[in-house]
Protein backbone atom coordinates (compact mmCIF):
# COMPACT_ATOMS: atom_id res chain seq x y z
CA UNK A 1 43.07 30.66 -47.69
CA UNK A 2 44.64 34.06 -47.68
CA UNK A 3 45.47 36.76 -45.21
CA UNK A 4 45.18 40.30 -46.47
CA UNK A 5 47.41 42.78 -44.68
CA UNK A 6 47.66 46.39 -45.71
CA UNK A 7 50.21 45.67 -48.45
CA UNK A 8 50.37 41.92 -48.98
CA UNK A 9 48.09 39.04 -49.81
CA UNK A 10 49.27 35.60 -48.70
CA UNK A 11 48.05 32.16 -49.73
CA UNK A 12 48.65 28.84 -47.99
CA UNK A 13 49.06 25.56 -49.86
CA UNK A 14 49.89 21.95 -49.04
CA UNK A 15 52.52 20.81 -51.53
CA UNK A 16 52.11 17.62 -53.53
CA UNK A 17 54.95 15.08 -53.41
CA UNK A 18 56.09 16.38 -56.80
CA UNK A 19 56.26 19.96 -55.44
CA UNK A 20 58.44 19.11 -52.39
CA UNK A 21 61.64 20.24 -54.20
CA UNK A 22 60.16 23.77 -54.17
CA UNK A 23 60.25 23.73 -50.35
CA UNK A 24 63.84 22.54 -50.33
CA UNK A 25 64.81 25.26 -52.80
CA UNK A 26 63.22 27.80 -50.41
CA UNK A 27 65.31 26.45 -47.51
CA UNK A 28 68.51 26.60 -49.58
CA UNK A 29 67.77 30.13 -50.80
CA UNK A 30 67.19 31.23 -47.20
CA UNK A 31 70.40 29.44 -46.11
CA UNK A 32 68.43 27.28 -43.67
CA UNK A 33 69.05 23.68 -42.73
CA UNK A 34 65.42 22.61 -43.16
CA UNK A 35 64.58 19.72 -45.46
CA UNK A 36 61.16 18.57 -46.61
CA UNK A 37 60.69 14.91 -47.51
CA UNK A 38 58.34 13.38 -50.05
CA UNK A 39 55.28 11.79 -48.45
CA UNK A 40 55.47 14.14 -45.43
CA UNK A 41 52.83 16.89 -45.39
CA UNK A 42 54.49 20.21 -46.26
CA UNK A 43 52.76 23.59 -46.34
CA UNK A 44 54.01 26.80 -47.88
CA UNK A 45 52.85 30.40 -47.86
CA UNK A 46 53.19 32.41 -51.03
CA UNK A 47 53.13 36.18 -51.37
CA UNK A 48 51.17 38.19 -53.93
CA UNK A 49 53.84 37.44 -56.56
CA UNK A 50 53.48 33.66 -55.91
CA UNK A 51 56.93 33.41 -54.28
CA UNK A 52 57.28 31.01 -51.35
CA UNK A 53 57.90 33.09 -48.23
CA UNK A 54 57.34 30.47 -45.52
CA UNK A 55 57.41 26.72 -45.11
CA UNK A 56 56.82 23.99 -42.55
CA UNK A 57 56.39 20.23 -42.66
CA UNK A 58 55.15 17.35 -40.56
CA UNK A 59 57.67 14.54 -40.35
CA UNK A 60 55.81 11.24 -39.99
CA UNK A 61 57.34 9.02 -37.32
CA UNK A 62 56.20 5.57 -36.21
CA UNK A 63 53.69 6.63 -33.56
CA UNK A 64 53.78 10.41 -33.80
CA UNK A 65 54.58 13.34 -36.06
CA UNK A 66 57.06 16.16 -35.67
CA UNK A 67 56.49 19.72 -36.83
CA UNK A 68 59.80 20.66 -38.48
CA UNK A 69 61.39 23.14 -40.80
CA UNK A 70 59.22 26.09 -39.82
CA UNK A 71 60.84 29.05 -41.54
CA UNK A 72 59.83 32.49 -42.79
CA UNK A 73 61.81 34.50 -45.35
CA UNK A 74 63.74 37.29 -43.67
CA UNK A 75 61.77 40.19 -45.13
CA UNK A 76 58.48 38.72 -43.89
CA UNK A 77 59.36 37.99 -40.26
CA UNK A 78 57.36 39.76 -37.57
CA UNK A 79 54.31 40.15 -39.83
CA UNK A 80 52.19 37.22 -38.64
CA UNK A 81 53.32 34.88 -41.43
CA UNK A 82 54.52 32.10 -39.08
CA UNK A 83 51.25 32.31 -37.13
CA UNK A 84 49.27 32.05 -40.38
CA UNK A 85 51.34 29.05 -41.49
CA UNK A 86 51.02 27.16 -38.21
CA UNK A 87 47.32 27.97 -37.81
CA UNK A 88 46.61 26.46 -41.23
CA UNK A 89 48.89 23.48 -40.59
CA UNK A 90 46.89 22.73 -37.41
CA UNK A 91 44.25 21.00 -39.57
CA UNK A 92 46.75 18.11 -39.77
CA UNK A 93 47.74 18.08 -36.08
CA UNK A 94 46.60 15.57 -33.50
CA UNK A 95 47.60 14.81 -29.92
CA UNK A 96 50.68 12.94 -31.18
CA UNK A 97 52.09 16.08 -32.85
CA UNK A 98 55.31 17.42 -31.33
CA UNK A 99 57.74 20.22 -32.08
CA UNK A 100 61.15 21.29 -30.79
CA UNK A 101 61.11 25.10 -30.80
CA UNK A 102 63.99 27.20 -29.56
CA UNK A 103 63.49 28.08 -25.89
CA UNK A 104 62.70 31.74 -26.63
CA UNK A 105 59.80 30.74 -28.94
CA UNK A 106 57.93 28.81 -26.20
CA UNK A 107 55.30 31.55 -25.60
CA UNK A 108 54.59 31.78 -29.35
CA UNK A 109 54.00 28.02 -29.62
CA UNK A 110 51.90 28.03 -26.45
CA UNK A 111 49.65 30.64 -28.08
CA UNK A 112 49.11 28.15 -30.92
CA UNK A 113 48.02 25.26 -28.70
CA UNK A 114 51.34 23.61 -27.83
CA UNK A 115 52.36 22.80 -24.24
CA UNK A 116 55.77 22.06 -22.76
CA UNK A 117 56.18 18.37 -21.90
CA UNK A 118 58.82 16.31 -20.16
CA UNK A 119 60.43 13.28 -21.74
CA UNK A 120 58.66 10.68 -19.54
CA UNK A 121 56.33 8.49 -21.56
CA UNK A 122 57.05 10.12 -24.91
CA UNK A 123 57.60 8.01 -28.03
CA UNK A 124 61.23 6.95 -28.38
CA UNK A 125 61.41 8.45 -31.89
CA UNK A 126 60.66 11.88 -30.39
CA UNK A 127 63.09 11.54 -27.49
CA UNK A 128 65.91 10.21 -29.68
CA UNK A 129 65.53 13.01 -32.22
CA UNK A 130 65.31 15.63 -29.46
CA UNK A 131 68.58 14.39 -27.93
CA UNK A 132 70.26 14.44 -31.34
CA UNK A 133 69.29 18.08 -31.85
CA UNK A 134 70.29 19.01 -28.29
CA UNK A 135 73.75 17.50 -28.84
CA UNK A 136 74.11 19.86 -31.81
CA UNK A 137 73.94 22.71 -29.32
CA UNK A 138 70.39 23.83 -30.01
CA UNK A 139 68.58 25.51 -27.08
CA UNK A 140 65.30 23.69 -27.67
CA UNK A 141 62.36 22.30 -25.70
CA UNK A 142 59.80 19.56 -26.39
CA UNK A 143 56.23 20.71 -26.94
CA UNK A 144 53.13 18.68 -27.71
CA UNK A 145 50.02 19.90 -29.48
CA UNK A 146 46.95 19.97 -27.25
CA UNK A 147 43.75 19.26 -29.18
CA UNK A 148 41.34 22.14 -28.69
CA UNK A 149 37.75 21.26 -28.06
């Protein structure tokens, strides 16, 4: 699917396992710490020249999945690219999909169907990972995808 803005045409694509290194090259080129893993669903957005300009993946955990590595190339931020990416990735979400956005991004994720949640009753894999990231000094929150009916 594509989004046509006044000057750009974007396409979204789930990467095959063999294409995952393309996502990791994107993260490196953008000087980001994201890392896509083989066998985890990873979606990219390409611009009209077929360059990857955004990426996100779903890390499969035992009893849940974690939306990670959401990143948009600097020149494309503020143009709806992240919204396009996450809207298309939603086809793979369920009620056990979580994400750890930075605090200031909470309203954006809420607009995409995520809700703030407390730690009580969450899968241990989610809580443990959240605490690891918090200890790294990240100002993050836990959000869970709410299935829309």
